[in-house]
């Protein structure tokens, strides 16, 4: 665990919170729905305060709507924007990659920015318009 200091952009007030290490914890409810699924997504969102949120899901469109509508307590109303995603073949692989990306972001934020930029460069090259 470690403490992180943040500043509110509007009020410039400091706040602190304790960040705990991420430990994958699969939901028992996922097992039934996951058995017929072969696509799982790991994604990175950028929040309006500049922080990144890294998660994984079976249904990326549905999950993005939950984040945008403020139906997730982890993001609240911080206006998330999808920056990056990967498709993996199993929930276990997605949780493992999610942990890996969170560890990278914690140790070297510049590496996450580099991963996002490479992804965005590729998606711009594949512009189908």
Protein backbone atom coordinates (compact mmCIF):
# COMPACT_ATOMS: atom_id res chain seq x y z
CA UNK A 1 0.00 0.00 0.00
CA UNK A 2 1.09 3.54 -0.62
CA UNK A 3 -0.39 7.00 -0.34
CA UNK A 4 -1.09 9.18 -3.37
CA UNK A 5 -1.59 12.93 -3.32
CA UNK A 6 -3.99 14.43 -5.87
CA UNK A 7 -5.19 17.96 -6.56
CA UNK A 8 -8.65 18.94 -7.68
CA UNK A 9 -8.24 20.98 -10.90
CA UNK A 10 -11.16 23.28 -10.06
CA UNK A 11 -10.40 24.07 -6.41
CA UNK A 12 -6.67 23.22 -6.30
CA UNK A 13 -7.27 21.41 -2.99
CA UNK A 14 -5.03 18.51 -2.05
CA UNK A 15 -6.39 15.14 -1.11
CA UNK A 16 -4.77 11.83 -0.24
CA UNK A 17 -5.86 8.28 -0.64
CA UNK A 18 -4.37 4.88 0.02
CA UNK A 19 -3.72 2.78 -3.07
CA UNK A 20 -3.72 -0.96 -2.50
CA UNK A 21 -2.09 -3.45 -4.86
CA UNK A 22 -4.47 -4.97 -7.40
CA UNK A 23 -5.32 -8.61 -6.84
CA UNK A 24 -7.49 -10.31 -9.48
CA UNK A 25 -10.70 -11.51 -7.88
CA UNK A 26 -13.03 -13.21 -10.37
CA UNK A 27 -16.72 -13.01 -9.61
CA UNK A 28 -18.53 -16.33 -9.22
CA UNK A 29 -21.39 -14.88 -11.26
CA UNK A 30 -19.06 -14.52 -14.26
CA UNK A 31 -18.51 -18.27 -14.63
CA UNK A 32 -21.94 -19.05 -16.13
CA UNK A 33 -21.86 -16.20 -18.64
CA UNK A 34 -18.18 -16.64 -19.49
CA UNK A 35 -18.42 -20.28 -20.59
CA UNK A 36 -19.94 -19.35 -23.99
CA UNK A 37 -17.67 -16.35 -24.54
CA UNK A 38 -14.34 -16.36 -26.35
CA UNK A 39 -13.66 -12.60 -26.35
CA UNK A 40 -12.63 -10.62 -23.30
CA UNK A 41 -11.38 -7.06 -23.37
CA UNK A 42 -8.73 -5.27 -21.34
CA UNK A 43 -9.08 -1.52 -21.65
CA UNK A 44 -7.53 1.75 -20.52
CA UNK A 45 -9.61 4.85 -19.90
CA UNK A 46 -8.28 8.34 -19.36
CA UNK A 47 -10.23 10.33 -16.80
CA UNK A 48 -10.76 14.10 -16.84
CA UNK A 49 -8.28 14.53 -13.97
CA UNK A 50 -5.52 12.87 -16.06
CA UNK A 51 -5.58 9.54 -14.21
CA UNK A 52 -5.89 6.23 -16.02
CA UNK A 53 -8.35 3.48 -15.21
CA UNK A 54 -7.51 -0.05 -16.34
CA UNK A 55 -10.17 -2.75 -16.41
CA UNK A 56 -11.40 -5.89 -18.14
CA UNK A 57 -14.81 -7.00 -19.32
CA UNK A 58 -16.71 -9.44 -21.50
CA UNK A 59 -18.90 -6.69 -23.06
CA UNK A 60 -16.86 -3.59 -23.85
CA UNK A 61 -19.69 -1.42 -25.24
CA UNK A 62 -21.93 -2.13 -22.27
CA UNK A 63 -19.06 -1.49 -19.84
CA UNK A 64 -18.16 1.84 -21.50
CA UNK A 65 -21.79 2.96 -21.17
CA UNK A 66 -21.74 2.05 -17.46
CA UNK A 67 -18.58 4.13 -17.00
CA UNK A 68 -19.93 7.09 -18.99
CA UNK A 69 -23.28 7.03 -17.18
CA UNK A 70 -21.54 7.13 -13.79
CA UNK A 71 -22.78 3.65 -12.83
CA UNK A 72 -19.34 2.53 -11.62
CA UNK A 73 -18.11 3.68 -8.23
CA UNK A 74 -14.47 3.45 -9.31
CA UNK A 75 -14.83 6.27 -11.83
CA UNK A 76 -17.87 8.21 -10.73
CA UNK A 77 -18.38 11.27 -12.90
CA UNK A 78 -14.81 11.75 -14.12
CA UNK A 79 -15.71 11.62 -17.85
CA UNK A 80 -13.79 8.54 -19.03
CA UNK A 81 -12.47 8.29 -22.58
CA UNK A 82 -11.39 5.00 -24.09
CA UNK A 83 -7.69 5.17 -24.97
CA UNK A 84 -6.70 1.54 -25.54
CA UNK A 85 -8.05 -1.99 -25.59
CA UNK A 86 -6.95 -5.56 -26.29
CA UNK A 87 -8.99 -8.65 -27.06
CA UNK A 88 -8.07 -11.86 -25.24
CA UNK A 89 -9.46 -15.39 -25.35
CA UNK A 90 -10.31 -16.00 -21.70
CA UNK A 91 -11.25 -14.20 -18.51
CA UNK A 92 -8.07 -15.48 -16.87
CA UNK A 93 -5.92 -14.03 -19.66
CA UNK A 94 -7.78 -10.71 -19.42
CA UNK A 95 -7.32 -10.52 -15.64
CA UNK A 96 -3.65 -11.36 -16.01
CA UNK A 97 -3.11 -8.65 -18.64
CA UNK A 98 -5.12 -6.17 -16.56
CA UNK A 99 -2.79 -6.80 -13.61
CA UNK A 100 0.24 -6.47 -15.87
CA UNK A 101 -0.95 -3.10 -17.23
CA UNK A 102 -1.75 -1.85 -13.72
CA UNK A 103 1.73 -2.83 -12.56
CA UNK A 104 3.26 -1.04 -15.56
CA UNK A 105 1.20 2.08 -14.88
CA UNK A 106 2.18 2.08 -11.21
CA UNK A 107 5.90 1.61 -11.89
CA UNK A 108 6.28 3.74 -15.03
CA UNK A 109 3.39 5.90 -16.17
CA UNK A 110 5.32 6.88 -19.30
CA UNK A 111 5.19 3.26 -20.45
CA UNK A 112 1.37 3.28 -20.37
CA UNK A 113 1.38 6.53 -22.36
CA UNK A 114 3.72 4.87 -24.90
CA UNK A 115 1.46 1.80 -25.18
CA UNK A 116 -1.57 4.05 -25.73
CA UNK A 117 0.23 6.18 -28.36
CA UNK A 118 1.33 3.11 -30.32
CA UNK A 119 -2.23 1.77 -30.25
CA UNK A 120 -3.67 5.11 -31.38
CA UNK A 121 -1.08 5.39 -34.18
CA UNK A 122 -2.11 1.96 -35.48
CA UNK A 123 -5.83 2.74 -35.29
CA UNK A 124 -5.29 5.99 -37.22
CA UNK A 125 -3.45 4.07 -39.95
CA UNK A 126 -6.42 1.72 -40.18
CA UNK A 127 -8.90 4.56 -40.72
CA UNK A 128 -11.61 3.10 -42.92
CA UNK A 129 -13.20 6.40 -44.00
